[in-house]
Amino acid sequence: MHFHGHVAVHRNSGTVGGENAAEDNMTNNVKRGHASCPGKRLTDKRQHRLVGIGAVMLIAALALPGCSDPREANAKNFAKAISDHLAQHGEVCLEPMNWPVKVRVRTGANPLDFPQSEANRMAALDTAGLVAWTMDETKDIFNQSLRTKHYNLTDKGRQYLLERKIPNFLGERFTKRTDLCWGRIRLTEVRKWIRPEQFRGSQVASVKFVYQIDGVPEWARMPAISQAFPAIPELLAGQGIVERNANLHLTNLGWESTR
């Protein structure tokens, strides 16, 4: 037998069963949002019973997941705002570089020599197999030899390359930025926050959270890389311990990151 969602309820006003059936029919109408009447006035007892049913349904609806206000200042909403931001901008990268990187070979105390720190960083990336170099030798105006190493990314290095445009402070022009990235930061827990306050016409909050870094390649843990790029071991050691800060602002749809 196949039903199409309609059940006929036969009312028998002379029996207890008929009265209960009428009450059940009215209850179903209330649940469906109908205001129809079964043809006679409800007794006060039955009216109170239906009001009680409606109150229980309202309380149950408010307790359902998804009924929370995304504009409330709480850990759940803050965590969502930070996680949404990190999903789009959570890469952890080395210092921006313009390829090829040119490093002058040191010839002594020449003040024109490239900083040794840059040479150390390139040498570490070379050890990790991320770059390769060629030598270029020229003469200066005093006919002295100038040797320069030209570092370019290898196929392995290009796997970690991220290119993006960064707007200037006016948001009118963009600067091309090339980074070598070695992981993605992820929120693991919101620890605390400063009570939201008004700032320049909007409500803002400062939130502290701890993090995990996913997708860290083996080369990022190499001793040469750790020495040349000390921020890497520092960030790795701070996972689950060091609190990072996120600045959020309130919109009509909920909390969002300001950067």
C-alpha atoms as a PDB file:
ATOM      1  CA  MET A   1       0.000   0.000   0.000  1.00  0.00           C
ATOM      2  CA  HIS A   2       1.390   3.430  -0.953  1.00  0.00           C
ATOM      3  CA  PHE A   3       0.626   6.606   0.967  1.00  0.00           C
ATOM      4  CA  HIS A   4       1.003  10.108  -0.445  1.00  0.00           C
ATOM      5  CA  GLY A   5       1.458  11.947   2.818  1.00  0.00           C
ATOM      6  CA  HIS A   6      -2.262  12.435   3.694  1.00  0.00           C
ATOM      7  CA  VAL A   7      -3.918  10.475   6.494  1.00  0.00           C
ATOM      8  CA  ALA A   8      -7.639  10.864   7.133  1.00  0.00           C
ATOM      9  CA  VAL A   9      -8.571  11.021  10.815  1.00  0.00           C
ATOM     10  CA  HIS A  10     -12.183  10.018  11.541  1.00  0.00           C
ATOM     11  CA  ARG A  11     -13.588  11.884  14.500  1.00  0.00           C
ATOM     12  CA  ASN A  12     -16.001  10.116  16.876  1.00  0.00           C
ATOM     13  CA  SER A  13     -17.152  12.674  19.420  1.00  0.00           C
ATOM     14  CA  GLY A  14     -18.933  10.031  21.432  1.00  0.00           C
ATOM     15  CA  THR A  15     -15.880   7.972  22.310  1.00  0.00           C
ATOM     16  CA  VAL A  16     -12.609   8.578  24.042  1.00  0.00           C
ATOM     17  CA  GLY A  17     -10.737   7.229  21.035  1.00  0.00           C
ATOM     18  CA  GLY A  18     -12.458   9.748  18.784  1.00  0.00           C
ATOM     19  CA  GLU A  19     -11.471  12.643  21.047  1.00  0.00           C
ATOM     20  CA  ASN A  20      -7.855  11.527  21.119  1.00  0.00           C
ATOM     21  CA  ALA A  21      -7.833  11.231  17.343  1.00  0.00           C
ATOM     22  CA  ALA A  22      -9.135  14.787  17.020  1.00  0.00           C
ATOM     23  CA  GLU A  23      -6.469  16.029  19.394  1.00  0.00           C
ATOM     24  CA  ASP A  24      -3.784  14.203  17.425  1.00  0.00           C
ATOM     25  CA  ASN A  25      -5.087  15.757  14.219  1.00  0.00           C
ATOM     26  CA  MET A  26      -4.910  19.220  15.778  1.00  0.00           C
ATOM     27  CA  THR A  27      -1.371  18.520  17.036  1.00  0.00           C
ATOM     28  CA  ASN A  28      -0.295  17.550  13.537  1.00  0.00           C
ATOM     29  CA  ASN A  29      -1.829  20.750  12.177  1.00  0.00           C
ATOM     30  CA  VAL A  30       0.062  22.811  14.724  1.00  0.00           C
ATOM     31  CA  LYS A  31       3.332  21.061  13.794  1.00  0.00           C
ATOM     32  CA  ARG A  32       2.732  21.837  10.116  1.00  0.00           C
ATOM     33  CA  GLY A  33       1.973  25.481  10.866  1.00  0.00           C
ATOM     34  CA  HIS A  34      -1.782  25.256  10.055  1.00  0.00           C
ATOM     35  CA  ALA A  35      -4.337  27.124  12.155  1.00  0.00           C
ATOM     36  CA  SER A  36      -7.383  25.093  11.117  1.00  0.00           C
ATOM     37  CA  CYS A  37     -10.009  24.139  13.696  1.00  0.00           C
ATOM     38  CA  PRO A  38     -11.571  20.627  13.893  1.00  0.00           C
ATOM     39  CA  GLY A  39     -15.080  22.050  14.009  1.00  0.00           C
ATOM     40  CA  LYS A  40     -15.629  22.610  17.710  1.00  0.00           C
ATOM     41  CA  ARG A  41     -14.085  24.758  20.426  1.00  0.00           C
ATOM     42  CA  LEU A  42     -11.127  23.257  22.204  1.00  0.00           C
ATOM     43  CA  THR A  43     -11.400  22.832  25.913  1.00  0.00           C
ATOM     44  CA  ASP A  44      -8.989  24.775  28.086  1.00  0.00           C
ATOM     45  CA  LYS A  45      -7.231  21.536  28.936  1.00  0.00           C
ATOM     46  CA  ARG A  46      -6.556  20.712  25.304  1.00  0.00           C
ATOM     47  CA  GLN A  47      -5.512  24.288  24.517  1.00  0.00           C
ATOM     48  CA  HIS A  48      -2.935  24.143  27.279  1.00  0.00           C
ATOM     49  CA  ARG A  49      -1.749  20.797  25.996  1.00  0.00           C
ATOM     50  CA  LEU A  50      -1.165  22.181  22.491  1.00  0.00           C
ATOM     51  CA  VAL A  51       0.566  25.287  23.832  1.00  0.00           C
ATOM     52  CA  GLY A  52       2.875  23.017  25.809  1.00  0.00           C
ATOM     53  CA  ILE A  53       3.682  20.995  22.684  1.00  0.00           C
ATOM     54  CA  GLY A  54       4.506  24.200  20.779  1.00  0.00           C
ATOM     55  CA  ALA A  55       6.830  25.386  23.527  1.00  0.00           C
ATOM     56  CA  VAL A  56       8.694  22.074  23.537  1.00  0.00           C
ATOM     57  CA  MET A  57       9.094  22.243  19.748  1.00  0.00           C
ATOM     58  CA  LEU A  58      10.447  25.812  19.965  1.00  0.00           C
ATOM     59  CA  ILE A  59      13.001  24.871  22.623  1.00  0.00           C
ATOM     60  CA  ALA A  60      14.102  21.842  20.582  1.00  0.00           C
ATOM     61  CA  ALA A  61      14.533  23.990  17.456  1.00  0.00           C
ATOM     62  CA  LEU A  62      16.707  26.485  19.306  1.00  0.00           C
ATOM     63  CA  ALA A  63      18.891  23.647  20.576  1.00  0.00           C
ATOM     64  CA  LEU A  64      19.547  22.242  17.075  1.00  0.00           C
ATOM     65  CA  PRO A  65      23.077  22.604  15.624  1.00  0.00           C
ATOM     66  CA  GLY A  66      23.436  25.512  13.213  1.00  0.00           C
ATOM     67  CA  CYS A  67      21.109  27.809  15.129  1.00  0.00           C
ATOM     68  CA  SER A  68      23.938  29.756  16.804  1.00  0.00           C
ATOM     69  CA  ASP A  69      24.517  33.375  15.849  1.00  0.00           C
ATOM     70  CA  PRO A  70      27.731  33.768  13.739  1.00  0.00           C
ATOM     71  CA  ARG A  71      27.979  37.357  15.019  1.00  0.00           C
ATOM     72  CA  GLU A  72      28.476  36.307  18.629  1.00  0.00           C
ATOM     73  CA  ALA A  73      31.916  36.756  20.180  1.00  0.00           C
ATOM     74  CA  ASN A  74      32.830  33.186  21.056  1.00  0.00           C
ATOM     75  CA  ALA A  75      35.607  30.677  20.420  1.00  0.00           C
ATOM     76  CA  LYS A  76      33.659  28.787  17.739  1.00  0.00           C
ATOM     77  CA  ASN A  77      33.010  31.849  15.578  1.00  0.00           C
ATOM     78  CA  PHE A  78      36.532  33.177  16.052  1.00  0.00           C
ATOM     79  CA  ALA A  79      38.019  29.803  15.103  1.00  0.00           C
ATOM     80  CA  LYS A  80      35.950  29.704  11.913  1.00  0.00           C
ATOM     81  CA  ALA A  81      37.020  33.211  10.886  1.00  0.00           C
ATOM     82  CA  ILE A  82      40.708  32.456  11.465  1.00  0.00           C
ATOM     83  CA  SER A  83      40.518  29.044   9.761  1.00  0.00           C
ATOM     84  CA  ASP A  84      38.786  30.547   6.718  1.00  0.00           C
ATOM     85  CA  HIS A  85      41.558  33.125   6.442  1.00  0.00           C
ATOM     86  CA  LEU A  86      44.336  30.556   6.849  1.00  0.00           C
ATOM     87  CA  ALA A  87      42.759  28.345   4.186  1.00  0.00           C
ATOM     88  CA  GLN A  88      43.374  31.171   1.708  1.00  0.00           C
ATOM     89  CA  HIS A  89      46.527  32.803   3.105  1.00  0.00           C
ATOM     90  CA  GLY A  90      48.094  30.313   5.499  1.00  0.00           C
ATOM     91  CA  GLU A  91      51.296  29.514   3.596  1.00  0.00           C
ATOM     92  CA  VAL A  92      54.552  29.764   5.530  1.00  0.00           C
ATOM     93  CA  CYS A  93      57.387  30.837   3.228  1.00  0.00           C
ATOM     94  CA  LEU A  94      60.970  32.012   3.063  1.00  0.00           C
ATOM     95  CA  GLU A  95      61.848  35.624   2.412  1.00  0.00           C
ATOM     96  CA  PRO A  96      60.552  36.896  -0.971  1.00  0.00           C
ATOM     97  CA  MET A  97      63.137  36.569  -3.750  1.00  0.00           C
ATOM     98  CA  ASN A  98      63.414  37.698  -7.339  1.00  0.00           C
ATOM     99  CA  TRP A  99      64.823  34.963  -9.539  1.00  0.00           C
ATOM    100  CA  PRO A 100      67.508  34.595 -10.665  1.00  0.00           C
ATOM    101  CA  VAL A 101      69.257  35.649  -7.472  1.00  0.00           C
ATOM    102  CA  LYS A 102      72.702  37.097  -8.105  1.00  0.00           C
ATOM    103  CA  VAL A 103      75.405  36.642  -5.476  1.00  0.00           C
ATOM    104  CA  ARG A 104      78.824  38.194  -5.981  1.00  0.00           C
ATOM    105  CA  VAL A 105      81.677  35.953  -4.992  1.00  0.00           C
ATOM    106  CA  ARG A 106      83.629  37.490  -2.131  1.00  0.00           C
ATOM    107  CA  THR A 107      87.098  38.705  -3.012  1.00  0.00           C
ATOM    108  CA  GLY A 108      88.065  40.172   0.341  1.00  0.00           C
ATOM    109  CA  ALA A 109      87.015  43.419   1.985  1.00  0.00           C
ATOM    110  CA  ASN A 110      85.429  44.887  -1.136  1.00  0.00           C
ATOM    111  CA  PRO A 111      82.423  46.962   0.107  1.00  0.00           C
ATOM    112  CA  LEU A 112      80.599  46.132  -3.128  1.00  0.00           C
ATOM    113  CA  ASP A 113      80.490  42.425  -2.320  1.00  0.00           C
ATOM    114  CA  PHE A 114      77.054  40.946  -1.776  1.00  0.00           C
ATOM    115  CA  PRO A 115      76.123  40.367   1.893  1.00  0.00           C
ATOM    116  CA  GLN A 116      77.437  37.028   3.083  1.00  0.00           C
ATOM    117  CA  SER A 117      74.045  36.162   4.612  1.00  0.00           C
ATOM    118  CA  GLU A 118      72.564  36.066   1.103  1.00  0.00           C
ATOM    119  CA  ALA A 119      75.355  33.774  -0.027  1.00  0.00           C
ATOM    120  CA  ASN A 120      74.680  31.495   2.957  1.00  0.00           C
ATOM    121  CA  ARG A 121      70.964  31.284   2.155  1.00  0.00           C
ATOM    122  CA  MET A 122      71.622  30.419  -1.466  1.00  0.00           C
ATOM    123  CA  ALA A 123      74.220  27.833  -0.471  1.00  0.00           C
ATOM    124  CA  ALA A 124      71.682  26.201   1.883  1.00  0.00           C
ATOM    125  CA  LEU A 125      69.041  26.067  -0.845  1.00  0.00           C
ATOM    126  CA  ASP A 126      71.678  24.580  -3.147  1.00  0.00           C
ATOM    127  CA  THR A 127      72.409  21.879  -0.555  1.00  0.00           C
ATOM    128  CA  ALA A 128      68.675  21.091  -0.413  1.00  0.00           C
ATOM    129  CA  GLY A 129      68.552  20.741  -4.202  1.00  0.00           C
ATOM    130  CA  LEU A 130      66.153  23.647  -4.649  1.00  0.00           C
ATOM    131  CA  VAL A 131      68.505  25.850  -6.704  1.00  0.00           C
ATOM    132  CA  ALA A 132      71.389  25.530  -9.135  1.00  0.00           C
ATOM    133  CA  TRP A 133      73.932  28.163 -10.120  1.00  0.00           C
ATOM    134  CA  THR A 134      76.125  29.279 -12.977  1.00  0.00           C
ATOM    135  CA  MET A 135      79.168  31.545 -12.753  1.00  0.00           C
ATOM    136  CA  ASP A 136      79.485  34.825 -14.600  1.00  0.00           C
ATOM    137  CA  GLU A 137      82.816  36.654 -14.720  1.00  0.00           C
ATOM    138  CA  THR A 138      83.195  40.283 -15.826  1.00  0.00           C
ATOM    139  CA  LYS A 139      85.604  43.178 -15.397  1.00  0.00           C
ATOM    140  CA  ASP A 140      84.946  46.304 -13.396  1.00  0.00           C
ATOM    141  CA  ILE A 141      86.006  49.810 -14.375  1.00  0.00           C
ATOM    142  CA  PHE A 142      89.423  49.136 -12.848  1.00  0.00           C
ATOM    143  CA  ASN A 143      89.807  46.002 -14.980  1.00  0.00           C
ATOM    144  CA  GLN A 144      89.516  43.774 -11.939  1.00  0.00           C
ATOM    145  CA  SER A 145      87.730  40.469 -12.191  1.00  0.00           C
ATOM    146  CA  LEU A 146      84.167  40.293 -10.822  1.00  0.00           C
ATOM    147  CA  ARG A 147      82.641  36.856 -10.371  1.00  0.00           C
ATOM    148  CA  THR A 148      78.914  36.474  -9.787  1.00  0.00           C
ATOM    149  CA  LYS A 149      76.842  33.353  -9.132  1.00  0.00           C
ATOM    150  CA  HIS A 150      73.404  33.281 -10.761  1.00  0.00           C
ATOM    151  CA  TYR A 151      70.996  31.076  -8.789  1.00  0.00           C
ATOM    152  CA  ASN A 152      67.876  29.695 -10.447  1.00  0.00           C
ATOM    153  CA  LEU A 153      65.250  27.304  -9.149  1.00  0.00           C
ATOM    154  CA  THR A 154      65.494  23.638 -10.049  1.00  0.00           C
ATOM    155  CA  ASP A 155      62.472  21.509 -10.938  1.00  0.00           C
ATOM    156  CA  LYS A 156      62.338  20.493  -7.274  1.00  0.00           C
ATOM    157  CA  GLY A 157      62.452  24.117  -6.156  1.00  0.00           C
ATOM    158  CA  ARG A 158      59.654  25.157  -8.489  1.00  0.00           C
ATOM    159  CA  GLN A 159      57.330  22.718  -6.731  1.00  0.00           C
ATOM    160  CA  TYR A 160      57.363  25.054  -3.721  1.00  0.00           C
ATOM    161  CA  LEU A 161      57.128  28.332  -5.635  1.00  0.00           C
ATOM    162  CA  LEU A 162      54.233  30.674  -4.898  1.00  0.00           C
ATOM    163  CA  GLU A 163      53.661  33.763  -7.014  1.00  0.00           C
ATOM    164  CA  ARG A 164      51.125  36.382  -5.985  1.00  0.00           C
ATOM    165  CA  LYS A 165      50.408  40.068  -6.342  1.00  0.00           C
ATOM    166  CA  ILE A 166      50.603  42.206  -3.222  1.00  0.00           C
ATOM    167  CA  PRO A 167      48.697  45.538  -3.284  1.00  0.00           C
ATOM    168  CA  ASN A 168      50.446  48.647  -2.081  1.00  0.00           C
ATOM    169  CA  PHE A 169      49.145  50.608   0.886  1.00  0.00           C
ATOM    170  CA  LEU A 170      46.677  52.470  -1.358  1.00  0.00           C
ATOM    171  CA  GLY A 171      45.459  49.290  -3.014  1.00  0.00           C
ATOM    172  CA  GLU A 172      45.975  50.824  -6.461  1.00  0.00           C
ATOM    173  CA  ARG A 173      49.105  49.070  -7.720  1.00  0.00           C
ATOM    174  CA  PHE A 174      50.342  45.548  -7.226  1.00  0.00           C
ATOM    175  CA  THR A 175      53.837  44.250  -6.646  1.00  0.00           C
ATOM    176  CA  LYS A 176      54.703  40.762  -7.831  1.00  0.00           C
ATOM    177  CA  ARG A 177      55.965  38.635  -4.957  1.00  0.00           C
ATOM    178  CA  THR A 178      57.690  35.286  -5.375  1.00  0.00           C
ATOM    179  CA  ASP A 179      58.038  33.042  -2.331  1.00  0.00           C
ATOM    180  CA  LEU A 180      59.382  29.581  -1.638  1.00  0.00           C
ATOM    181  CA  CYS A 181      56.863  28.038   0.731  1.00  0.00           C
ATOM    182  CA  TRP A 182      57.434  25.081   3.032  1.00  0.00           C
ATOM    183  CA  GLY A 183      54.089  24.426   4.727  1.00  0.00           C
ATOM    184  CA  ARG A 184      50.654  25.706   5.685  1.00  0.00           C
ATOM    185  CA  ILE A 185      49.673  26.927   9.115  1.00  0.00           C
ATOM    186  CA  ARG A 186      46.457  25.586  10.649  1.00  0.00           C
ATOM    187  CA  LEU A 187      44.576  26.679  13.767  1.00  0.00           C
ATOM    188  CA  THR A 188      44.282  24.000  16.413  1.00  0.00           C
ATOM    189  CA  GLU A 189      42.721  25.957  19.285  1.00  0.00           C
ATOM    190  CA  VAL A 190      41.520  29.419  20.225  1.00  0.00           C
ATOM    191  CA  ARG A 191      43.095  30.204  23.584  1.00  0.00           C
ATOM    192  CA  LYS A 192      41.771  33.639  24.546  1.00  0.00           C
ATOM    193  CA  TRP A 193      40.615  36.979  23.214  1.00  0.00           C
ATOM    194  CA  ILE A 194      40.252  40.592  24.228  1.00  0.00           C
ATOM    195  CA  ARG A 195      36.647  41.701  24.628  1.00  0.00           C
ATOM    196  CA  PRO A 196      35.439  43.167  21.288  1.00  0.00           C
ATOM    197  CA  GLU A 197      35.332  46.945  21.107  1.00  0.00           C
ATOM    198  CA  GLN A 198      34.397  49.649  18.637  1.00  0.00           C
ATOM    199  CA  PHE A 199      37.135  50.955  16.374  1.00  0.00           C
ATOM    200  CA  ARG A 200      36.520  53.354  13.478  1.00  0.00           C
ATOM    201  CA  GLY A 201      32.865  52.427  13.226  1.00  0.00           C
ATOM    202  CA  SER A 202      33.206  48.648  13.398  1.00  0.00           C
ATOM    203  CA  GLN A 203      33.513  46.054  16.121  1.00  0.00           C
ATOM    204  CA  VAL A 204      36.942  44.444  16.347  1.00  0.00           C
ATOM    205  CA  ALA A 205      38.508  41.671  18.418  1.00  0.00           C
ATOM    206  CA  SER A 206      42.070  40.492  19.061  1.00  0.00           C
ATOM    207  CA  VAL A 207      42.249  36.693  19.317  1.00  0.00           C
ATOM    208  CA  LYS A 208      45.095  34.439  20.471  1.00  0.00           C
ATOM    209  CA  PHE A 209      45.379  30.926  19.008  1.00  0.00           C
ATOM    210  CA  VAL A 210      47.844  28.050  18.754  1.00  0.00           C
ATOM    211  CA  TYR A 211      48.725  26.353  15.495  1.00  0.00           C
ATOM    212  CA  GLN A 212      50.020  23.342  13.619  1.00  0.00           C
ATOM    213  CA  ILE A 213      52.049  23.433  10.374  1.00  0.00           C
ATOM    214  CA  ASP A 214      50.999  20.862   7.769  1.00  0.00           C
ATOM    215  CA  GLY A 215      52.884  19.575   4.741  1.00  0.00           C
ATOM    216  CA  VAL A 216      56.427  20.336   5.945  1.00  0.00           C
ATOM    217  CA  PRO A 217      58.947  18.852   3.451  1.00  0.00           C
ATOM    218  CA  GLU A 218      62.095  17.083   4.579  1.00  0.00           C
ATOM    219  CA  TRP A 219      64.393  19.820   3.236  1.00  0.00           C
ATOM    220  CA  ALA A 220      62.842  22.377   5.621  1.00  0.00           C
ATOM    221  CA  ARG A 221      64.259  20.392   8.572  1.00  0.00           C
ATOM    222  CA  MET A 222      67.811  20.107   7.189  1.00  0.00           C
ATOM    223  CA  PRO A 223      70.516  21.634   9.453  1.00  0.00           C
ATOM    224  CA  ALA A 224      71.805  23.890   6.661  1.00  0.00           C
ATOM    225  CA  ILE A 225      68.313  25.270   6.052  1.00  0.00           C
ATOM    226  CA  SER A 226      67.666  25.753   9.784  1.00  0.00           C
ATOM    227  CA  GLN A 227      70.897  27.715  10.128  1.00  0.00           C
ATOM    228  CA  ALA A 228      70.310  29.909   7.094  1.00  0.00           C
ATOM    229  CA  PHE A 229      66.598  30.456   7.805  1.00  0.00           C
ATOM    230  CA  PRO A 230      66.207  30.470  11.630  1.00  0.00           C
ATOM    231  CA  ALA A 231      62.505  31.347  11.405  1.00  0.00           C
ATOM    232  CA  ILE A 232      61.774  27.784  10.214  1.00  0.00           C
ATOM    233  CA  PRO A 233      62.939  25.886  13.342  1.00  0.00           C
ATOM    234  CA  GLU A 234      61.425  28.605  15.503  1.00  0.00           C
ATOM    235  CA  LEU A 235      57.979  28.153  13.949  1.00  0.00           C
ATOM    236  CA  LEU A 236      58.237  24.357  14.055  1.00  0.00           C
ATOM    237  CA  ALA A 237      59.201  24.408  17.747  1.00  0.00           C
ATOM    238  CA  GLY A 238      56.246  26.669  18.563  1.00  0.00           C
ATOM    239  CA  GLN A 239      53.540  24.301  17.298  1.00  0.00           C
ATOM    240  CA  GLY A 240      50.835  23.860  19.909  1.00  0.00           C
ATOM    241  CA  ILE A 241      52.730  26.139  22.314  1.00  0.00           C
ATOM    242  CA  VAL A 242      53.309  29.636  20.958  1.00  0.00           C
ATOM    243  CA  GLU A 243      50.221  31.817  20.727  1.00  0.00           C
ATOM    244  CA  ARG A 244      49.752  33.765  17.512  1.00  0.00           C
ATOM    245  CA  ASN A 245      47.525  36.811  17.197  1.00  0.00           C
ATOM    246  CA  ALA A 246      44.638  37.367  14.783  1.00  0.00           C
ATOM    247  CA  ASN A 247      42.744  40.622  14.368  1.00  0.00           C
ATOM    248  CA  LEU A 248      39.087  40.165  13.458  1.00  0.00           C
ATOM    249  CA  HIS A 249      36.260  42.521  12.597  1.00  0.00           C
ATOM    250  CA  LEU A 250      32.508  41.992  12.635  1.00  0.00           C
ATOM    251  CA  THR A 251      30.430  42.051   9.433  1.00  0.00           C
ATOM    252  CA  ASN A 252      26.740  41.460   8.821  1.00  0.00           C
ATOM    253  CA  LEU A 253      27.572  37.804   8.082  1.00  0.00           C
ATOM    254  CA  GLY A 254      29.857  37.226  11.056  1.00  0.00           C
ATOM    255  CA  TRP A 255      33.501  37.598  12.030  1.00  0.00           C
ATOM    256  CA  GLU A 256      36.256  37.955   9.423  1.00  0.00           C
ATOM    257  CA  SER A 257      40.012  38.424   9.485  1.00  0.00           C
ATOM    258  CA  THR A 258      41.287  41.945   8.855  1.00  0.00           C
ATOM    259  CA  ARG A 259      44.453  40.688   7.144  1.00  0.00           C
END
